[in-house]
Amino acid sequence: MTSLPNQRARVLSGMRPTGALHLGHYHGVLKNWLKLQHEYECFFFVADWHALTTHYDEPQILERSVWEMVIDWLAVGINPGSAGIFIQSRVPEHAELHLLLSMITPLGWLERVPSYKDQQEKLKEKDLATYGFLGYPLLQSADILIYRATQVPVGEDQVAHVELTREVARRFNHLYGREAGFEEKAAEAIKKMGKKNAKLYTELRRKYQEQGEGEALATARALLEDQQNITLGDKERLFGYLEGGGRIILPEPAALLTQASKMPGLDGQKMSKSYHNTISLREDPKDVEQKLRKMPTDPARVRRDDPGEPEKCPVWSLHQVYSGDDVKAWVQQGCRSAGIGCLDCKGPIIDAVLTELAPIRERAAEYEANRGLVRNIISEGCDKARDVARQTLTEVRQAMGLDYRQN
C-alpha cells in the first residue's frame, strides 16, 4: 500500500526566501524546474515558514526576500501558466496538516533526520533548540502530502526527508485507512464499476493476492484509473483493497533525484552566499565583469609567461559549465604553454555569463516595474494550491474523525 498508481504525476518543490538568488540557484534548482514544468503538473512554493525555522529573528528581511525571489523565478522563465506558484504561509492547510501529522509521528523519527544535528552544528551561532526546528522535516512532509505529490525533486542530501514523508504517509494510512465498514464500502464501489469491469477487477485482485501475479496488479491499477463513474474516495479504497490493505489516503511520494549543481563559486568552492563567492541573477554587468576578472587563478602563474595547470585554477571550473570543447581545448593548450594569459582565459567566461544573465535581468526589470502583476500571479497560484490542499485536508479530517457535520 504505497501510492495511487497511474495518478497524474505531480511535482512539489520549494525554496527558502533568504535573499537574492544567484547562479548557483539557477544551475542547481531553477533550470531543473524549467524542465519539470513541461513534464509534470508542478507546484513551486516560497517556503517562508521554513525560513523562520532558522531565521526567526530576522523578520525585517523576510517579506522583501519573498517578492525578490518570486521575481527571479519569473525572470528565468518559471511560467505561472504551466506551474502553480505560491507562498507557503498563504495556504494555511499546510499548518493544519502539519499539526495533525504531529499527533502520530514518533519523536525519534524527527531526531534521527541527518540534517537535524548537522544543521545545529553548522549554525552554532543561532539558538536552534526550538520545536519549529525539530519539526521542520515534518512540515516538509505536510508540504508534500497536502498536494499528494508523486515526485519530489531533491539532491542526495535530501532523500532522507522524502523517506520520512513516505514513513509518515504509511503510518497515517495504516492508522486511518482501515475505516469502519471498509470491506463493505469496497464491495459497493466494485458494483459501481459495472458488471464487466467489476468481474475483471475481482478476477485480477484474486490472481494478484493468491498467485502474486505482478501483471494482474498492473492491469487492475490501470483499470481503476480509467473508471469515470466512481469517486476519488472509492478509487482510493479499491487501490488499497486490491493490495490487501486499507484505503490509501496519503500516497507515498518518490524522490526525483537531481544532479548536484555544477556551478562553482568565484573561489572554486560551491557557490554560496555564506562563502561570499556568488554572482546574483540581476547583478550589474560591470560588477559581474569585475568579479570574474578578479577571480583567483593557478598560483603557479605569477607572471604572464609562467605555464599553468587548468585543473588547479577555479576559472577552469567555470569553463566546465559554460565552454564548448573547442574553447576548453584552447584553454588547456594555452594555459600549459603560457600561450594565453589569465585574463585571456577569463574572456569567454565573462561573455558567456553576461549573455546568460542579460535576458533574465531584462525580464526581471519588467516585473519590478509591475509589482501588481507579480502579486496577482501569486494570488492566483495560492488559490490554485488551496483548492488542492482543501480536498486533501477534507479527507484527512474525515479519516481522523474530525469532520463534524450537523445532523
Protein backbone atom coordinates (compact mmCIF):
# COMPACT_ATOMS: atom_id res chain seq x y z
CA MET A 1 0.00 0.00 0.00
CA THR A 2 2.19 2.82 -1.23
CA SER A 3 0.62 5.16 -3.75
CA LEU A 4 -2.21 5.82 -6.10
CA PRO A 5 -0.80 4.20 -9.25
CA ASN A 6 -1.17 6.00 -12.55
CA GLN A 7 -2.47 9.15 -10.90
CA ARG A 8 -1.37 12.22 -12.79
CA ALA A 9 2.28 12.75 -11.90
CA ARG A 10 2.60 15.83 -9.70
CA VAL A 11 5.79 17.55 -8.57
CA LEU A 12 6.15 19.68 -5.43
CA SER A 13 9.25 21.75 -4.74
CA GLY A 14 10.06 24.86 -2.75
CA MET A 15 12.84 27.27 -1.86
CA ARG A 16 13.51 29.29 1.28
CA PRO A 17 13.48 33.07 0.73
CA THR A 18 16.91 34.01 2.06
CA GLY A 19 17.82 36.86 -0.30
CA ALA A 20 18.80 37.43 -3.91
CA LEU A 21 19.17 34.28 -6.00
CA HIS A 22 22.48 33.60 -7.70
CA LEU A 23 23.86 31.44 -10.49
CA GLY A 24 24.16 28.51 -8.10
CA HIS A 25 20.38 28.55 -7.59
CA TYR A 26 19.84 28.88 -11.34
CA HIS A 27 22.03 25.95 -12.33
CA GLY A 28 21.21 23.83 -9.28
CA VAL A 29 17.42 24.24 -9.00
CA LEU A 30 15.71 26.61 -11.41
CA LYS A 31 16.95 25.05 -14.66
CA ASN A 32 15.53 21.76 -13.40
CA TRP A 33 12.19 23.45 -12.61
CA LEU A 34 12.09 24.88 -16.13
CA LYS A 35 12.29 21.33 -17.47
CA LEU A 36 9.87 19.79 -14.97
CA GLN A 37 7.11 22.36 -15.56
CA HIS A 38 6.65 20.95 -19.06
CA GLU A 39 6.72 17.29 -17.97
CA TYR A 40 4.56 17.21 -14.82
CA GLU A 41 1.83 19.06 -13.01
CA CYS A 42 4.03 21.28 -10.86
CA PHE A 43 3.62 23.30 -7.69
CA PHE A 44 6.55 25.57 -6.74
CA PHE A 45 6.33 27.42 -3.46
CA VAL A 46 8.12 30.03 -1.40
CA ALA A 47 8.94 28.24 1.86
CA ASP A 48 8.63 31.26 4.16
CA TRP A 49 7.66 29.19 7.23
CA HIS A 50 10.77 27.09 6.68
CA ALA A 51 12.86 30.26 6.57
CA LEU A 52 11.57 31.08 10.05
CA THR A 53 12.92 27.81 11.47
CA THR A 54 16.46 29.20 11.23
CA HIS A 55 15.90 32.96 10.66
CA TYR A 56 13.02 33.63 13.05
CA ASP A 57 14.91 36.62 14.46
CA GLU A 58 15.15 38.43 11.09
CA PRO A 59 11.53 39.32 10.20
CA GLN A 60 12.56 42.61 8.61
CA ILE A 61 14.12 40.89 5.58
CA LEU A 62 11.55 38.14 5.06
CA GLU A 63 8.90 39.95 3.03
CA ARG A 64 11.42 41.65 0.78
CA SER A 65 13.19 38.35 0.16
CA VAL A 66 9.91 36.62 -0.73
CA TRP A 67 8.99 39.04 -3.51
CA GLU A 68 12.53 39.33 -4.85
CA MET A 69 12.75 35.56 -5.14
CA VAL A 70 9.41 35.31 -6.95
CA ILE A 71 10.60 37.92 -9.45
CA ASP A 72 13.77 35.87 -10.02
CA TRP A 73 11.65 32.76 -10.66
CA LEU A 74 9.52 34.56 -13.21
CA ALA A 75 12.54 36.18 -14.82
CA VAL A 76 14.28 32.86 -15.50
CA GLY A 77 11.11 31.51 -17.14
CA ILE A 78 9.04 29.75 -14.48
CA ASN A 79 5.62 30.01 -16.11
CA PRO A 80 2.53 30.53 -13.92
CA GLY A 81 0.50 29.06 -16.79
CA SER A 82 2.43 25.79 -16.50
CA ALA A 83 3.05 25.62 -12.74
CA GLY A 84 1.30 26.77 -9.60
CA ILE A 85 3.49 29.38 -7.85
CA PHE A 86 2.51 30.25 -4.30
CA ILE A 87 3.66 31.30 -0.84
CA GLN A 88 3.56 28.60 1.82
CA SER A 89 2.07 30.73 4.61
CA ARG A 90 -0.76 31.84 2.31
CA VAL A 91 -2.02 28.23 2.28
CA PRO A 92 -2.80 27.58 5.96
CA GLU A 93 -3.80 23.98 5.20
CA HIS A 94 -0.06 23.20 5.33
CA ALA A 95 -0.05 24.18 9.00
CA GLU A 96 -3.14 22.19 9.88
CA LEU A 97 -1.87 19.03 8.22
CA HIS A 98 1.48 19.54 9.96
CA LEU A 99 -0.35 19.72 13.29
CA LEU A 100 -2.42 16.60 12.57
CA LEU A 101 0.60 14.61 11.40
CA SER A 102 2.50 15.64 14.54
CA MET A 103 -0.06 13.70 16.57
CA ILE A 104 1.04 10.39 15.01
CA THR A 105 4.74 10.96 14.26
CA PRO A 106 7.17 9.40 16.77
CA LEU A 107 9.66 11.89 18.21
CA GLY A 108 12.55 9.58 17.36
CA TRP A 109 11.77 9.84 13.66
CA LEU A 110 12.48 13.58 13.73
CA GLU A 111 15.57 13.33 15.91
CA ARG A 112 17.22 10.85 13.55
CA VAL A 113 16.85 13.01 10.40
CA PRO A 114 20.53 13.55 9.40
CA SER A 115 20.19 17.27 8.78
CA TYR A 116 18.85 17.91 12.32
CA LYS A 117 22.17 17.60 14.16
CA ASP A 118 24.15 18.59 11.08
CA GLN A 119 22.43 21.99 10.82
CA GLN A 120 22.69 22.57 14.55
CA GLU A 121 26.43 22.04 14.22
CA LYS A 122 26.77 24.33 11.20
CA LEU A 123 24.63 27.12 12.69
CA LYS A 124 26.09 27.19 16.19
CA GLU A 125 25.66 30.95 16.37
CA LYS A 126 21.87 30.53 16.29
CA ASP A 127 19.61 29.14 19.01
CA LEU A 128 18.03 26.21 17.21
CA ALA A 129 16.78 24.37 20.28
CA THR A 130 13.23 25.09 19.16
CA TYR A 131 10.18 22.97 18.39
CA GLY A 132 9.98 24.57 14.95
CA PHE A 133 13.48 23.47 14.02
CA LEU A 134 12.94 19.94 15.30
CA GLY A 135 9.65 19.70 13.45
CA TYR A 136 10.62 21.27 10.14
CA PRO A 137 11.12 17.89 8.39
CA LEU A 138 7.52 17.05 9.31
CA LEU A 139 6.39 20.42 7.94
CA GLN A 140 8.18 19.41 4.72
CA SER A 141 6.19 16.17 4.79
CA ALA A 142 2.97 18.15 5.16
CA ASP A 143 4.02 20.37 2.24
CA ILE A 144 4.37 17.29 0.06
CA LEU A 145 1.41 15.24 1.27
CA ILE A 146 -1.13 18.07 1.18
CA TYR A 147 -0.74 18.02 -2.66
CA ARG A 148 -0.39 14.25 -2.88
CA ALA A 149 2.78 14.87 -4.85
CA THR A 150 4.13 11.81 -6.64
CA GLN A 151 7.61 13.22 -7.28
CA VAL A 152 9.81 15.45 -5.15
CA PRO A 153 12.99 16.74 -6.83
CA VAL A 154 15.84 16.56 -4.31
CA GLY A 155 19.56 16.13 -4.13
CA GLU A 156 21.06 13.10 -2.41
CA ASP A 157 21.34 15.02 0.88
CA GLN A 158 17.55 15.47 0.97
CA VAL A 159 16.48 11.89 0.24
CA ALA A 160 16.13 11.22 3.98
CA HIS A 161 13.41 13.88 4.15
CA VAL A 162 11.41 12.19 1.40
CA GLU A 163 11.84 8.85 3.13
CA LEU A 164 10.46 10.36 6.35
CA THR A 165 7.47 11.58 4.34
CA ARG A 166 6.91 8.09 3.00
CA GLU A 167 7.03 6.66 6.53
CA VAL A 168 4.57 9.26 7.81
CA ALA A 169 2.16 8.56 4.93
CA ARG A 170 2.48 4.82 5.51
CA ARG A 171 1.75 5.21 9.21
CA PHE A 172 -1.21 7.50 8.55
CA ASN A 173 -2.74 5.08 6.04
CA HIS A 174 -2.18 2.19 8.43
CA LEU A 175 -3.93 4.02 11.26
CA TYR A 176 -6.80 5.57 9.34
CA GLY A 177 -7.10 3.71 6.04
CA ARG A 178 -8.95 0.84 7.73
CA GLU A 179 -12.15 2.80 8.02
CA ALA A 180 -15.26 1.30 9.59
CA GLY A 181 -17.01 -0.96 7.11
CA PHE A 182 -14.05 -0.85 4.71
CA GLU A 183 -14.77 -4.22 3.10
CA GLU A 184 -18.46 -3.38 2.62
CA LYS A 185 -17.63 0.02 1.10
CA ALA A 186 -15.09 -1.60 -1.23
CA ALA A 187 -17.71 -4.14 -2.34
CA GLU A 188 -20.19 -1.32 -3.06
CA ALA A 189 -17.53 0.57 -5.01
CA ILE A 190 -16.83 -2.50 -7.16
CA LYS A 191 -20.51 -2.69 -8.12
CA LYS A 192 -20.40 0.91 -9.36
CA MET A 193 -17.82 -0.10 -11.96
CA GLY A 194 -20.41 -2.06 -13.94
CA LYS A 195 -20.72 -5.82 -14.26
CA LYS A 196 -17.97 -6.37 -16.80
CA ASN A 197 -15.37 -4.19 -15.07
CA ALA A 198 -16.37 -5.42 -11.62
CA LYS A 199 -15.87 -9.02 -12.68
CA LEU A 200 -12.50 -8.21 -14.26
CA TYR A 201 -11.30 -6.28 -11.19
CA THR A 202 -12.32 -9.13 -8.86
CA GLU A 203 -10.52 -11.69 -11.01
CA LEU A 204 -7.35 -9.60 -11.25
CA ARG A 205 -7.39 -8.99 -7.48
CA ARG A 206 -7.69 -12.76 -6.86
CA LYS A 207 -4.79 -13.50 -9.22
CA TYR A 208 -2.58 -10.95 -7.53
CA GLN A 209 -3.41 -11.87 -3.94
CA GLU A 210 -3.45 -15.64 -4.41
CA GLN A 211 -0.76 -16.08 -7.03
CA GLY A 212 1.28 -12.87 -6.74
CA GLU A 213 0.93 -12.02 -10.43
CA GLY A 214 2.52 -8.59 -10.89
CA GLU A 215 0.94 -8.23 -14.32
CA ALA A 216 -2.52 -8.72 -12.83
CA LEU A 217 -1.79 -5.95 -10.30
CA ALA A 218 -0.66 -3.54 -13.03
CA THR A 219 -3.72 -4.33 -15.16
CA ALA A 220 -6.07 -3.84 -12.22
CA ARG A 221 -4.48 -0.49 -11.40
CA ALA A 222 -4.89 0.68 -14.98
CA LEU A 223 -8.50 -0.50 -14.93
CA LEU A 224 -9.21 1.57 -11.81
CA GLU A 225 -7.54 4.64 -13.20
CA ASP A 226 -9.80 4.56 -16.26
CA GLN A 227 -13.02 4.41 -14.21
CA GLN A 228 -15.15 7.52 -14.68
CA ASN A 229 -18.19 6.58 -12.60
CA ILE A 230 -16.59 6.11 -9.18
CA THR A 231 -15.43 8.81 -6.79
CA LEU A 232 -11.84 9.53 -5.81
CA GLY A 233 -12.61 8.09 -2.38
CA ASP A 234 -13.83 4.85 -3.95
CA LYS A 235 -10.71 4.70 -6.11
CA GLU A 236 -8.54 5.07 -3.02
CA ARG A 237 -10.46 2.25 -1.33
CA LEU A 238 -10.16 -0.05 -4.32
CA PHE A 239 -6.44 0.62 -4.77
CA GLY A 240 -5.96 -0.35 -1.13
CA TYR A 241 -8.38 -3.30 -1.35
CA LEU A 242 -6.52 -4.56 -4.39
CA GLU A 243 -3.28 -4.86 -2.42
CA GLY A 244 -4.93 -6.30 0.67
CA GLY A 245 -4.64 -3.18 2.77
CA GLY A 246 -6.89 -0.27 3.58
CA ARG A 247 -7.73 2.95 1.83
CA ILE A 248 -4.77 4.99 0.57
CA ILE A 249 -5.48 8.49 1.83
CA LEU A 250 -1.99 9.97 1.63
CA PRO A 251 0.04 8.42 -1.22
CA GLU A 252 3.76 7.98 -0.68
CA PRO A 253 5.92 10.26 -2.84
CA ALA A 254 9.08 9.23 -4.63
CA ALA A 255 12.36 11.14 -4.57
CA LEU A 256 13.19 12.52 -8.00
CA LEU A 257 16.97 12.69 -7.77
CA THR A 258 18.54 15.76 -9.33
CA GLN A 259 22.17 16.31 -10.15
CA ALA A 260 24.17 18.41 -7.73
CA SER A 261 24.81 21.90 -9.00
CA LYS A 262 27.97 22.10 -11.08
CA MET A 263 28.10 25.86 -10.66
CA PRO A 264 31.27 26.76 -8.74
CA GLY A 265 31.74 29.99 -6.89
CA LEU A 266 34.28 32.69 -7.70
CA ASP A 267 36.86 30.94 -5.49
CA GLY A 268 36.29 27.43 -6.84
CA GLN A 269 34.18 26.31 -3.87
CA LYS A 270 30.45 25.69 -4.10
CA MET A 271 28.67 28.95 -4.91
CA SER A 272 27.10 30.10 -1.65
CA LYS A 273 26.29 33.43 -0.02
CA SER A 274 27.97 32.20 3.16
CA TYR A 275 31.24 31.96 1.18
CA HIS A 276 30.77 35.43 -0.39
CA ASN A 277 31.58 33.97 -3.81
CA THR A 278 28.35 34.48 -5.74
CA ILE A 279 27.06 36.26 -8.83
CA SER A 280 23.41 37.20 -8.41
CA LEU A 281 20.94 36.80 -11.26
CA ARG A 282 20.29 40.54 -11.50
CA GLU A 283 23.77 41.80 -10.78
CA ASP A 284 25.01 44.82 -12.73
CA PRO A 285 27.03 43.70 -15.78
CA LYS A 286 30.00 45.88 -14.77
CA ASP A 287 30.08 44.24 -11.33
CA VAL A 288 29.84 40.78 -12.89
CA GLU A 289 32.75 41.51 -15.19
CA GLN A 290 34.83 42.93 -12.37
CA LYS A 291 34.19 39.91 -10.14
CA LEU A 292 35.18 37.49 -12.87
CA ARG A 293 38.32 39.47 -13.77
CA LYS A 294 39.41 39.35 -10.12
CA MET A 295 38.91 35.59 -9.78
CA PRO A 296 41.96 33.77 -8.38
CA THR A 297 43.83 31.56 -10.84
CA ASP A 298 46.53 28.89 -10.71
CA PRO A 299 49.00 30.20 -8.09
CA ALA A 300 51.88 28.88 -10.24
CA ARG A 301 51.16 31.57 -12.84
CA VAL A 302 52.81 34.51 -11.11
CA ARG A 303 53.96 36.11 -14.37
CA ARG A 304 52.32 36.19 -17.80
CA ASP A 305 54.86 33.76 -19.27
CA ASP A 306 54.61 31.21 -16.44
CA PRO A 307 52.90 27.97 -17.59
CA GLY A 308 49.92 26.79 -15.56
CA GLU A 309 47.68 23.81 -14.95
CA PRO A 310 43.92 24.37 -15.71
CA GLU A 311 42.79 21.75 -13.17
CA LYS A 312 44.35 23.85 -10.40
CA CYS A 313 42.52 27.01 -11.47
CA PRO A 314 38.95 27.99 -10.34
CA VAL A 315 38.36 29.56 -13.75
CA TRP A 316 38.63 26.11 -15.35
CA SER A 317 35.61 25.01 -13.28
CA LEU A 318 33.57 27.75 -14.95
CA HIS A 319 34.75 26.60 -18.37
CA GLN A 320 33.30 23.19 -17.48
CA VAL A 321 29.89 24.88 -17.18
CA TYR A 322 29.98 27.44 -19.99
CA SER A 323 32.50 26.44 -22.64
CA GLY A 324 32.37 24.06 -25.57
CA ASP A 325 35.06 21.53 -26.41
CA ASP A 326 36.88 23.94 -28.74
CA VAL A 327 37.27 26.62 -26.07
CA LYS A 328 38.27 24.03 -23.46
CA ALA A 329 40.99 22.70 -25.78
CA TRP A 330 42.20 26.28 -26.36
CA VAL A 331 42.39 26.84 -22.59
CA GLN A 332 44.21 23.56 -21.94
CA GLN A 333 46.84 24.22 -24.59
CA GLY A 334 47.20 27.94 -23.98
CA CYS A 335 47.46 27.72 -20.19
CA ARG A 336 50.04 24.94 -20.12
CA SER A 337 52.19 26.64 -22.75
CA ALA A 338 51.66 30.16 -21.37
CA GLY A 339 50.32 30.99 -24.81
CA ILE A 340 47.40 32.83 -23.22
CA GLY A 341 47.21 34.94 -20.09
CA CYS A 342 44.72 34.52 -17.26
CA LEU A 343 42.63 37.49 -18.44
CA ASP A 344 42.53 35.92 -21.92
CA CYS A 345 41.27 32.71 -20.34
CA LYS A 346 38.54 34.57 -18.46
CA GLY A 347 37.27 36.37 -21.57
CA PRO A 348 34.95 33.60 -22.86
CA ILE A 349 33.56 33.10 -19.35
CA ILE A 350 32.77 36.79 -18.95
CA ASP A 351 30.99 36.80 -22.31
CA ALA A 352 29.04 33.61 -21.54
CA VAL A 353 27.87 34.73 -18.09
CA LEU A 354 26.82 38.18 -19.32
CA THR A 355 24.95 36.59 -22.23
CA GLU A 356 23.15 34.20 -19.88
CA LEU A 357 22.15 36.90 -17.43
CA ALA A 358 21.08 39.59 -19.93
CA PRO A 359 17.56 38.23 -20.71
CA ILE A 360 16.99 37.33 -17.05
CA ARG A 361 17.87 40.86 -15.96
CA GLU A 362 15.66 42.33 -18.71
CA ARG A 363 12.60 40.25 -17.74
CA ALA A 364 13.20 40.96 -14.06
CA ALA A 365 13.13 44.71 -14.75
CA GLU A 366 9.69 44.30 -16.35
CA TYR A 367 8.35 42.52 -13.28
CA GLU A 368 10.00 45.02 -10.94
CA ALA A 369 8.14 47.77 -12.74
CA ASN A 370 4.84 45.90 -12.39
CA ARG A 371 4.72 44.57 -8.85
CA GLY A 372 0.93 44.37 -9.06
CA LEU A 373 1.24 41.70 -11.75
CA VAL A 374 3.61 39.69 -9.55
CA ARG A 375 1.17 39.85 -6.64
CA ASN A 376 -1.71 38.78 -8.90
CA ILE A 377 0.31 35.79 -10.12
CA ILE A 378 0.96 34.74 -6.54
CA SER A 379 -2.67 35.31 -5.54
CA GLU A 380 -3.89 33.06 -8.37
CA GLY A 381 -1.25 30.47 -7.52
CA CYS A 382 -2.29 30.46 -3.87
CA ASP A 383 -5.95 29.97 -4.87
CA LYS A 384 -4.98 27.04 -7.09
CA ALA A 385 -2.87 25.49 -4.32
CA ARG A 386 -5.60 25.94 -1.71
CA ASP A 387 -8.17 24.19 -3.91
CA VAL A 388 -5.99 21.07 -3.97
CA ALA A 389 -4.94 21.35 -0.33
CA ARG A 390 -8.52 21.69 0.91
CA GLN A 391 -9.56 18.49 -0.87
CA THR A 392 -6.77 16.53 0.82
CA LEU A 393 -7.43 18.06 4.21
CA THR A 394 -11.15 17.26 4.00
CA GLU A 395 -10.33 13.58 3.54
CA VAL A 396 -7.73 13.68 6.32
CA ARG A 397 -10.23 15.23 8.72
CA GLN A 398 -12.84 12.63 7.79
CA ALA A 399 -10.36 9.80 8.32
CA MET A 400 -9.35 11.15 11.74
CA GLY A 401 -12.92 11.68 12.91
CA LEU A 402 -12.73 15.46 12.76
CA ASP A 403 -15.36 16.08 10.09
CA TYR A 404 -18.20 17.28 12.33
CA ARG A 405 -21.46 17.73 10.49
CA GLN A 406 -24.82 18.78 11.76
CA ASN A 407 -27.41 16.07 11.52
